[in-house]
C-alpha atoms as a PDB file:
ATOM      1  CA  MET A   1      31.911  25.544 -91.198  1.00  0.00           C
ATOM      2  CA  ASN A   2      28.866  22.926 -91.780  1.00  0.00           C
ATOM      3  CA  VAL A   3      26.344  23.093 -88.639  1.00  0.00           C
ATOM      4  CA  ARG A   4      24.836  19.816 -89.212  1.00  0.00           C
ATOM      5  CA  ALA A   5      28.453  17.988 -89.511  1.00  0.00           C
ATOM      6  CA  VAL A   6      29.317  19.463 -86.091  1.00  0.00           C
ATOM      7  CA  ALA A   7      26.066  17.830 -84.592  1.00  0.00           C
ATOM      8  CA  THR A   8      26.547  14.693 -85.794  1.00  0.00           C
ATOM      9  CA  ARG A   9      30.370  14.447 -84.829  1.00  0.00           C
ATOM     10  CA  ARG A  10      29.706  15.691 -81.430  1.00  0.00           C
ATOM     11  CA  GLY A  11      26.510  13.382 -81.249  1.00  0.00           C
ATOM     12  CA  LEU A  12      24.027  14.041 -78.320  1.00  0.00           C
ATOM     13  CA  ARG A  13      26.676  14.951 -75.893  1.00  0.00           C
ATOM     14  CA  THR A  14      27.499  17.776 -77.475  1.00  0.00           C
ATOM     15  CA  ALA A  15      24.244  18.482 -78.447  1.00  0.00           C
ATOM     16  CA  PRO A  16      24.397  21.833 -76.056  1.00  0.00           C
ATOM     17  CA  LEU A  17      27.475  23.004 -77.751  1.00  0.00           C
ATOM     18  CA  PHE A  18      25.244  23.095 -80.992  1.00  0.00           C
ATOM     19  CA  TRP A  19      22.620  24.673 -79.702  1.00  0.00           C
ATOM     20  CA  ALA A  20      25.391  27.321 -78.290  1.00  0.00           C
ATOM     21  CA  ILE A  21      26.869  28.455 -81.422  1.00  0.00           C
ATOM     22  CA  THR A  22      23.921  28.053 -83.778  1.00  0.00           C
ATOM     23  CA  PRO A  23      22.483  32.010 -82.794  1.00  0.00           C
ATOM     24  CA  LEU A  24      25.953  32.551 -83.903  1.00  0.00           C
ATOM     25  CA  LEU A  25      25.903  31.346 -87.255  1.00  0.00           C
ATOM     26  CA  LEU A  26      22.471  32.332 -87.854  1.00  0.00           C
ATOM     27  CA  GLY A  27      23.516  35.980 -86.848  1.00  0.00           C
ATOM     28  CA  GLY A  28      26.004  35.666 -89.554  1.00  0.00           C
ATOM     29  CA  CYS A  29      28.968  34.934 -86.969  1.00  0.00           C
ATOM     30  CA  VAL A  30      31.583  32.276 -87.213  1.00  0.00           C
ATOM     31  CA  ALA A  31      32.515  30.694 -84.015  1.00  0.00           C
ATOM     32  CA  THR A  32      36.316  30.534 -83.162  1.00  0.00           C
ATOM     33  CA  LYS A  33      37.954  27.237 -81.744  1.00  0.00           C
ATOM     34  CA  SER A  34      37.981  29.372 -78.414  1.00  0.00           C
ATOM     35  CA  ASP A  35      34.868  29.753 -78.289  1.00  0.00           C
ATOM     36  CA  VAL A  36      34.172  26.354 -78.940  1.00  0.00           C
ATOM     37  CA  ARG A  37      36.292  25.236 -76.266  1.00  0.00           C
ATOM     38  CA  ARG A  38      35.169  27.574 -73.780  1.00  0.00           C
ATOM     39  CA  ILE A  39      31.527  26.524 -74.383  1.00  0.00           C
ATOM     40  CA  GLU A  40      32.776  22.809 -73.965  1.00  0.00           C
ATOM     41  CA  THR A  41      34.709  23.820 -70.768  1.00  0.00           C
ATOM     42  CA  ASN A  42      31.143  25.234 -69.432  1.00  0.00           C
ATOM     43  CA  ILE A  43      29.254  22.202 -70.305  1.00  0.00           C
ATOM     44  CA  ALA A  44      31.644  19.777 -69.006  1.00  0.00           C
ATOM     45  CA  ARG A  45      31.253  21.844 -65.876  1.00  0.00           C
ATOM     46  CA  LEU A  46      27.946  21.582 -65.568  1.00  0.00           C
ATOM     47  CA  GLU A  47      27.845  18.058 -66.040  1.00  0.00           C
ATOM     48  CA  ALA A  48      30.277  17.698 -63.365  1.00  0.00           C
ATOM     49  CA  ARG A  49      28.040  19.519 -61.101  1.00  0.00           C
ATOM     50  CA  GLN A  50      25.123  17.688 -62.305  1.00  0.00           C
ATOM     51  CA  ASP A  51      27.059  14.426 -61.478  1.00  0.00           C
ATOM     52  CA  SER A  52      27.947  15.882 -58.102  1.00  0.00           C
ATOM     53  CA  LEU A  53      24.461  16.893 -57.339  1.00  0.00           C
ATOM     54  CA  ALA A  54      23.305  13.510 -58.578  1.00  0.00           C
ATOM     55  CA  ARG A  55      25.744  11.303 -56.176  1.00  0.00           C
ATOM     56  CA  GLU A  56      24.629  13.570 -53.478  1.00  0.00           C
ATOM     57  CA  VAL A  57      21.087  13.050 -54.312  1.00  0.00           C
ATOM     58  CA  ALA A  58      21.936   9.183 -54.245  1.00  0.00           C
ATOM     59  CA  ARG A  59      23.522   9.494 -51.013  1.00  0.00           C
ATOM     60  CA  GLN A  60      21.365  11.379 -49.030  1.00  0.00           C
ATOM     61  CA  ASN A  61      18.568   9.040 -50.196  1.00  0.00           C
ATOM     62  CA  ARG A  62      20.787   6.063 -48.987  1.00  0.00           C
ATOM     63  CA  ILE A  63      20.997   7.507 -45.498  1.00  0.00           C
ATOM     64  CA  LEU A  64      17.353   8.446 -45.524  1.00  0.00           C
ATOM     65  CA  MET A  65      16.434   4.612 -46.545  1.00  0.00           C
ATOM     66  CA  ASP A  66      18.923   3.337 -43.644  1.00  0.00           C
ATOM     67  CA  SER A  67      17.178   5.630 -41.155  1.00  0.00           C
ATOM     68  CA  ILE A  68      14.005   4.285 -41.984  1.00  0.00           C
ATOM     69  CA  GLU A  69      14.797   0.950 -42.053  1.00  0.00           C
ATOM     70  CA  SER A  70      16.258   1.810 -38.303  1.00  0.00           C
ATOM     71  CA  GLY A  71      13.542   3.467 -37.348  1.00  0.00           C
ATOM     72  CA  SER A  72      11.325   0.423 -38.563  1.00  0.00           C
ATOM     73  CA  GLU A  73      13.670  -1.892 -36.850  1.00  0.00           C
ATOM     74  CA  LEU A  74      13.252  -0.121 -33.417  1.00  0.00           C
ATOM     75  CA  VAL A  75       9.419   0.069 -33.537  1.00  0.00           C
ATOM     76  CA  ARG A  76       9.309  -3.591 -34.476  1.00  0.00           C
ATOM     77  CA  MET A  77      11.612  -3.960 -31.127  1.00  0.00           C
ATOM     78  CA  VAL A  78       9.628  -1.784 -29.481  1.00  0.00           C
ATOM     79  CA  ARG A  79       6.657  -3.577 -30.142  1.00  0.00           C
ATOM     80  CA  GLY A  80       7.923  -6.840 -29.624  1.00  0.00           C
ATOM     81  CA  GLN A  81       8.733  -5.719 -26.182  1.00  0.00           C
ATOM     82  CA  LEU A  82       5.503  -3.957 -25.500  1.00  0.00           C
ATOM     83  CA  THR A  83       3.920  -7.181 -26.341  1.00  0.00           C
ATOM     84  CA  ASP A  84       5.804  -9.216 -24.365  1.00  0.00           C
ATOM     85  CA  GLN A  85       5.408  -6.743 -21.104  1.00  0.00           C
ATOM     86  CA  LEU A  86       1.846  -6.693 -21.776  1.00  0.00           C
ATOM     87  CA  ARG A  87       1.546 -10.575 -22.090  1.00  0.00           C
ATOM     88  CA  GLN A  88       3.290 -10.805 -18.625  1.00  0.00           C
ATOM     89  CA  LEU A  89       1.219  -8.064 -16.866  1.00  0.00           C
ATOM     90  CA  GLN A  90      -1.796 -10.239 -18.148  1.00  0.00           C
ATOM     91  CA  GLU A  91      -0.426 -13.200 -16.474  1.00  0.00           C
ATOM     92  CA  MET A  92       0.410 -11.471 -13.495  1.00  0.00           C
ATOM     93  CA  MET A  93      -3.065  -9.912 -13.346  1.00  0.00           C
ATOM     94  CA  VAL A  94      -4.627 -13.555 -13.860  1.00  0.00           C
ATOM     95  CA  THR A  95      -1.906 -14.702 -11.286  1.00  0.00           C
ATOM     96  CA  THR A  96      -3.457 -11.922  -8.728  1.00  0.00           C
ATOM     97  CA  GLN A  97      -6.807 -12.982  -8.944  1.00  0.00           C
ATOM     98  CA  GLN A  98      -6.485 -16.274  -8.269  1.00  0.00           C
ATOM     99  CA  LEU A  99      -4.244 -15.280  -5.045  1.00  0.00           C
ATOM    100  CA  LEU A 100      -6.773 -12.787  -4.119  1.00  0.00           C
ATOM    101  CA  GLY A 101      -9.804 -15.455  -4.602  1.00  0.00           C
ATOM    102  CA  GLN A 102      -7.530 -18.033  -2.605  1.00  0.00           C
ATOM    103  CA  SER A 103      -6.954 -15.692   0.074  1.00  0.00           C
ATOM    104  CA  GLN A 104     -10.500 -14.090   0.256  1.00  0.00           C
ATOM    105  CA  GLN A 105     -11.944 -17.672   0.733  1.00  0.00           C
ATOM    106  CA  ARG A 106      -9.569 -18.490   3.366  1.00  0.00           C
ATOM    107  CA  ILE A 107     -10.655 -15.333   4.956  1.00  0.00           C
ATOM    108  CA  ASN A 108     -14.110 -16.343   4.940  1.00  0.00           C
ATOM    109  CA  GLU A 109     -13.293 -19.706   6.281  1.00  0.00           C
ATOM    110  CA  LEU A 110     -11.199 -18.104   9.074  1.00  0.00           C
ATOM    111  CA  ARG A 111     -14.303 -15.861  10.144  1.00  0.00           C
ATOM    112  CA  ALA A 112     -16.596 -18.811  10.103  1.00  0.00           C
ATOM    113  CA  ASP A 113     -14.434 -20.707  12.390  1.00  0.00           C
ATOM    114  CA  LEU A 114     -13.868 -17.603  14.712  1.00  0.00           C
ATOM    115  CA  ALA A 115     -17.767 -17.332  14.661  1.00  0.00           C
ATOM    116  CA  ARG A 116     -18.163 -20.821  15.593  1.00  0.00           C
ATOM    117  CA  ALA A 117     -15.546 -20.811  18.319  1.00  0.00           C
ATOM    118  CA  GLU A 118     -17.167 -17.385  19.557  1.00  0.00           C
ATOM    119  CA  GLN A 119     -20.466 -19.105  19.555  1.00  0.00           C
ATOM    120  CA  GLU A 120     -19.047 -22.429  21.585  1.00  0.00           C
ATOM    121  CA  ARG A 121     -17.594 -20.233  24.164  1.00  0.00           C
ATOM    122  CA  GLN A 122     -20.570 -18.171  24.771  1.00  0.00           C
ATOM    123  CA  GLN A 123     -22.760 -21.092  25.232  1.00  0.00           C
ATOM    124  CA  GLN A 124     -20.224 -22.645  27.504  1.00  0.00           C
ATOM    125  CA  PHE A 125     -21.456 -19.964  30.022  1.00  0.00           C
ATOM    126  CA  SER A 126     -24.489 -19.081  29.103  1.00  0.00           C
ATOM    127  CA  THR A 127     -27.419 -19.517  31.417  1.00  0.00           C
ATOM    128  CA  PRO A 128     -30.304 -22.059  30.356  1.00  0.00           C
ATOM    129  CA  ALA A 129     -34.006 -21.007  30.647  1.00  0.00           C
ATOM    130  CA  GLY A 130     -35.105 -20.867  34.436  1.00  0.00           C
ATOM    131  CA  GLY A 131     -32.106 -19.300  35.766  1.00  0.00           C
ATOM    132  CA  ALA A 132     -30.256 -22.575  36.190  1.00  0.00           C
ATOM    133  CA  ALA A 133     -26.807 -22.184  37.095  1.00  0.00           C
ATOM    134  CA  PRO A 134     -24.039 -21.554  34.209  1.00  0.00           C
ATOM    135  CA  VAL A 135     -23.388 -24.681  32.265  1.00  0.00           C
ATOM    136  CA  ALA A 136     -19.419 -24.447  31.935  1.00  0.00           C
ATOM    137  CA  GLY A 137     -17.569 -24.909  35.598  1.00  0.00           C
ATOM    138  CA  GLY A 138     -21.012 -26.010  37.123  1.00  0.00           C
ATOM    139  CA  GLU A 139     -21.765 -23.875  40.189  1.00  0.00           C
ATOM    140  CA  ASP A 140     -18.403 -23.773  41.586  1.00  0.00           C
ATOM    141  CA  PRO A 141     -16.749 -20.139  41.366  1.00  0.00           C
ATOM    142  CA  GLU A 142     -13.234 -21.365  42.113  1.00  0.00           C
ATOM    143  CA  GLU A 143     -13.771 -23.163  38.798  1.00  0.00           C
ATOM    144  CA  LEU A 144     -14.934 -20.561  36.957  1.00  0.00           C
ATOM    145  CA  TYR A 145     -12.412 -17.970  38.166  1.00  0.00           C
ATOM    146  CA  ARG A 146      -9.740 -20.425  37.007  1.00  0.00           C
ATOM    147  CA  ILE A 147     -11.332 -20.777  33.676  1.00  0.00           C
ATOM    148  CA  GLY A 148     -11.556 -16.792  33.364  1.00  0.00           C
ATOM    149  CA  THR A 149      -7.987 -16.359  34.568  1.00  0.00           C
ATOM    150  CA  GLU A 150      -6.845 -18.722  31.952  1.00  0.00           C
ATOM    151  CA  GLN A 151      -8.744 -17.163  29.008  1.00  0.00           C
ATOM    152  CA  LEU A 152      -7.742 -13.822  30.201  1.00  0.00           C
ATOM    153  CA  THR A 153      -3.928 -15.137  29.901  1.00  0.00           C
ATOM    154  CA  GLU A 154      -4.364 -16.375  26.763  1.00  0.00           C
ATOM    155  CA  GLY A 155      -6.298 -13.430  25.392  1.00  0.00           C
ATOM    156  CA  ASN A 156      -9.604 -15.050  24.801  1.00  0.00           C
ATOM    157  CA  TYR A 157     -11.319 -11.777  26.494  1.00  0.00           C
ATOM    158  CA  ALA A 158     -14.895 -12.835  25.707  1.00  0.00           C
ATOM    159  CA  THR A 159     -14.692 -16.138  27.422  1.00  0.00           C
ATOM    160  CA  ALA A 160     -13.103 -14.479  30.089  1.00  0.00           C
ATOM    161  CA  GLU A 161     -15.743 -11.888  30.835  1.00  0.00           C
ATOM    162  CA  ALA A 162     -18.425 -14.522  30.587  1.00  0.00           C
ATOM    163  CA  ALA A 163     -16.716 -16.470  33.463  1.00  0.00           C
ATOM    164  CA  PHE A 164     -16.224 -13.525  35.467  1.00  0.00           C
ATOM    165  CA  ARG A 165     -19.549 -12.191  34.731  1.00  0.00           C
ATOM    166  CA  SER A 166     -21.227 -15.737  35.758  1.00  0.00           C
ATOM    167  CA  ILE A 167     -19.411 -15.647  39.129  1.00  0.00           C
ATOM    168  CA  LEU A 168     -20.763 -12.099  40.162  1.00  0.00           C
ATOM    169  CA  GLN A 169     -24.461 -13.004  38.925  1.00  0.00           C
ATOM    170  CA  GLN A 170     -24.421 -16.802  40.333  1.00  0.00           C
ATOM    171  CA  ASN A 171     -22.193 -16.344  43.849  1.00  0.00           C
ATOM    172  CA  PRO A 172     -21.943 -12.616  44.412  1.00  0.00           C
ATOM    173  CA  THR A 173     -21.170 -12.794  48.080  1.00  0.00           C
ATOM    174  CA  HIS A 174     -18.390 -15.612  47.362  1.00  0.00           C
ATOM    175  CA  ALA A 175     -14.964 -15.049  48.467  1.00  0.00           C
ATOM    176  CA  ARG A 176     -13.722 -14.944  44.632  1.00  0.00           C
ATOM    177  CA  ALA A 177     -16.565 -12.338  43.653  1.00  0.00           C
ATOM    178  CA  VAL A 178     -14.158  -9.448  44.560  1.00  0.00           C
ATOM    179  CA  ASP A 179     -11.258 -11.042  42.481  1.00  0.00           C
ATOM    180  CA  ALA A 180     -13.931 -11.488  39.573  1.00  0.00           C
ATOM    181  CA  GLN A 181     -15.101  -8.124  39.956  1.00  0.00           C
ATOM    182  CA  PHE A 182     -11.321  -6.774  39.654  1.00  0.00           C
ATOM    183  CA  SER A 183     -10.644  -9.249  36.835  1.00  0.00           C
ATOM    184  CA  LEU A 184     -13.550  -8.139  34.966  1.00  0.00           C
ATOM    185  CA  ALA A 185     -12.122  -4.532  35.074  1.00  0.00           C
ATOM    186  CA  GLU A 186      -8.689  -5.733  33.792  1.00  0.00           C
ATOM    187  CA  THR A 187     -10.412  -7.996  31.017  1.00  0.00           C
ATOM    188  CA  LEU A 188     -12.166  -4.834  29.443  1.00  0.00           C
ATOM    189  CA  TYR A 189      -9.418  -2.841  30.015  1.00  0.00           C
ATOM    190  CA  LYS A 190      -6.875  -5.121  27.879  1.00  0.00           C
ATOM    191  CA  ALA A 191      -9.938  -5.386  25.347  1.00  0.00           C
ATOM    192  CA  GLY A 192      -9.376  -1.639  24.472  1.00  0.00           C
ATOM    193  CA  ASN A 193     -12.836  -0.593  26.295  1.00  0.00           C
ATOM    194  CA  LEU A 194     -11.050   1.751  28.819  1.00  0.00           C
ATOM    195  CA  ASP A 195     -14.280   3.676  30.046  1.00  0.00           C
ATOM    196  CA  ASP A 196     -15.941   0.446  30.490  1.00  0.00           C
ATOM    197  CA  ALA A 197     -12.856  -1.129  32.381  1.00  0.00           C
ATOM    198  CA  THR A 198     -13.130   2.379  34.608  1.00  0.00           C
ATOM    199  CA  LYS A 199     -16.787   1.775  35.473  1.00  0.00           C
ATOM    200  CA  GLU A 200     -16.093  -1.621  36.835  1.00  0.00           C
ATOM    201  CA  PHE A 201     -12.568  -0.565  38.902  1.00  0.00           C
ATOM    202  CA  ASP A 202     -15.193   1.816  40.418  1.00  0.00           C
ATOM    203  CA  GLN A 203     -17.236  -0.957  41.067  1.00  0.00           C
ATOM    204  CA  VAL A 204     -14.885  -2.905  43.183  1.00  0.00           C
ATOM    205  CA  VAL A 205     -14.633  -0.212  45.308  1.00  0.00           C
ATOM    206  CA  GLU A 206     -18.148   0.069  45.700  1.00  0.00           C
ATOM    207  CA  GLN A 207     -19.495  -3.135  46.168  1.00  0.00           C
ATOM    208  CA  PHE A 208     -16.123  -4.456  48.037  1.00  0.00           C
ATOM    209  CA  PRO A 209     -14.651  -1.261  50.033  1.00  0.00           C
ATOM    210  CA  GLY A 210     -13.594  -3.769  52.782  1.00  0.00           C
ATOM    211  CA  SER A 211     -11.422  -5.548  51.025  1.00  0.00           C
ATOM    212  CA  THR A 212      -8.318  -3.443  50.955  1.00  0.00           C
ATOM    213  CA  GLU A 213      -5.571  -4.589  48.565  1.00  0.00           C
ATOM    214  CA  ARG A 214      -8.201  -4.784  45.944  1.00  0.00           C
ATOM    215  CA  ALA A 215      -9.804  -1.661  46.215  1.00  0.00           C
ATOM    216  CA  SER A 216      -6.687   0.206  46.234  1.00  0.00           C
ATOM    217  CA  GLN A 217      -5.808  -1.314  43.505  1.00  0.00           C
ATOM    218  CA  ALA A 218      -9.097  -0.854  41.411  1.00  0.00           C
ATOM    219  CA  LEU A 219      -8.236   3.200  42.344  1.00  0.00           C
ATOM    220  CA  LEU A 220      -4.920   2.804  41.376  1.00  0.00           C
ATOM    221  CA  ARG A 221      -5.774   1.536  37.612  1.00  0.00           C
ATOM    222  CA  ALA A 222      -8.724   3.451  37.394  1.00  0.00           C
ATOM    223  CA  GLY A 223      -6.250   6.638  37.794  1.00  0.00           C
ATOM    224  CA  ASN A 224      -3.487   4.933  35.276  1.00  0.00           C
ATOM    225  CA  ILE A 225      -6.402   4.490  32.914  1.00  0.00           C
ATOM    226  CA  ALA A 226      -7.306   8.192  33.577  1.00  0.00           C
ATOM    227  CA  GLU A 227      -4.130   9.440  32.565  1.00  0.00           C
ATOM    228  CA  GLU A 228      -3.444   6.949  29.719  1.00  0.00           C
ATOM    229  CA  GLN A 229      -6.662   9.111  28.337  1.00  0.00           C
ATOM    230  CA  LYS A 230      -4.873  12.443  28.970  1.00  0.00           C
ATOM    231  CA  LYS A 231      -7.635  12.975  31.735  1.00  0.00           C
ATOM    232  CA  THR A 232      -5.181  14.521  34.387  1.00  0.00           C
ATOM    233  CA  ARG A 233      -7.947  16.139  36.838  1.00  0.00           C
ATOM    234  CA  ALA A 234      -9.716  12.557  36.865  1.00  0.00           C
ATOM    235  CA  ALA A 235      -6.167  10.719  37.732  1.00  0.00           C
ATOM    236  CA  ARG A 236      -5.164  13.158  40.129  1.00  0.00           C
ATOM    237  CA  THR A 237      -8.937  12.716  41.771  1.00  0.00           C
ATOM    238  CA  TYR A 238      -8.175   8.673  41.944  1.00  0.00           C
ATOM    239  CA  TYR A 239      -4.562   8.728  43.146  1.00  0.00           C
ATOM    240  CA  GLU A 240      -5.834  11.125  45.763  1.00  0.00           C
ATOM    241  CA  ARG A 241      -8.915   8.732  46.912  1.00  0.00           C
ATOM    242  CA  VAL A 242      -6.353   5.990  47.279  1.00  0.00           C
ATOM    243  CA  ILE A 243      -4.029   7.856  49.387  1.00  0.00           C
ATOM    244  CA  ALA A 244      -6.894   9.311  51.845  1.00  0.00           C
ATOM    245  CA  ARG A 245      -8.810   5.851  51.772  1.00  0.00           C
ATOM    246  CA  TYR A 246      -5.740   3.371  51.791  1.00  0.00           C
ATOM    247  CA  LYS A 247      -3.072   5.328  52.863  1.00  0.00           C
ATOM    248  CA  ASP A 248      -0.533   2.487  54.057  1.00  0.00           C
ATOM    249  CA  THR A 249      -0.963   0.058  50.971  1.00  0.00           C
ATOM    250  CA  ASP A 250       1.493  -0.261  48.089  1.00  0.00           C
ATOM    251  CA  ALA A 251      -1.104   1.273  45.865  1.00  0.00           C
ATOM    252  CA  ALA A 252      -0.556   4.352  48.007  1.00  0.00           C
ATOM    253  CA  SER A 253       2.644   4.788  47.492  1.00  0.00           C
ATOM    254  CA  GLU A 254       2.472   4.296  43.791  1.00  0.00           C
ATOM    255  CA  ALA A 255      -0.258   6.925  43.765  1.00  0.00           C
ATOM    256  CA  ARG A 256       2.052   9.385  45.797  1.00  0.00           C
ATOM    257  CA  ARG A 257       4.540   8.800  43.134  1.00  0.00           C
ATOM    258  CA  ARG A 258       2.239   9.395  40.243  1.00  0.00           C
ATOM    259  CA  LEU A 259       0.809  12.662  42.112  1.00  0.00           C
ATOM    260  CA  ASN A 260       4.390  14.120  42.114  1.00  0.00           C
ATOM    261  CA  ARG A 261       4.846  13.771  38.551  1.00  0.00           C
ATOM    262  CA  LEU A 262       1.418  15.008  37.317  1.00  0.00           C
ATOM    263  CA  ARG A 263       2.194  18.355  39.238  1.00  0.00           C
END
């Protein structure tokens, strides 16, 4: 068999066959048709396997490219969302800063208004140089007591306290003095100054012991404050003083009830 003719007839596709039978020819052997067919079959299988692998590689490449494209799209989408959220946060920060600035300005204005109002109230009850009578309400204790009671009801404790103290300083023997002393103690209590309130209630009893109603109520209120402060012993003492000194008063009846509850 002519080896060159075989290679030419089969072309490049059958080149492997040429190289497969060449050793046989060179070795002095003649390849049979069966050998050729077997070799061709093996080559066909190899080519089929190669094509299959090529298709699989192409398919995997397509999957990989699709995954990369999908990932890129997801990254772009997330990046866009993050950009929008960041912009919104920046806008919110600007708005918040503006609101805080406005709020702080308003707070400063309110503080200034309160300071001016408090100064005006203090001036109403201030005593001029030389020991003259207080300006607001003149020298009339009744008018001062009315103002103080009204301010106490409205929660203006500083003004109420100034009015009651003015009565006690300028007219300590007036009939309204005991009421002013008791109301002064109540004002301090409502303002949250419990210890000072107790001292002023004690002053009612010390300075006006003959005023049965106010003195008994003052002792009872002092006991209430001590009880509120968890000072049980002091509360008992105040209640016992009410019962001992003013036994026939409403305050004494209330003191007995509270004393029994503490036992």
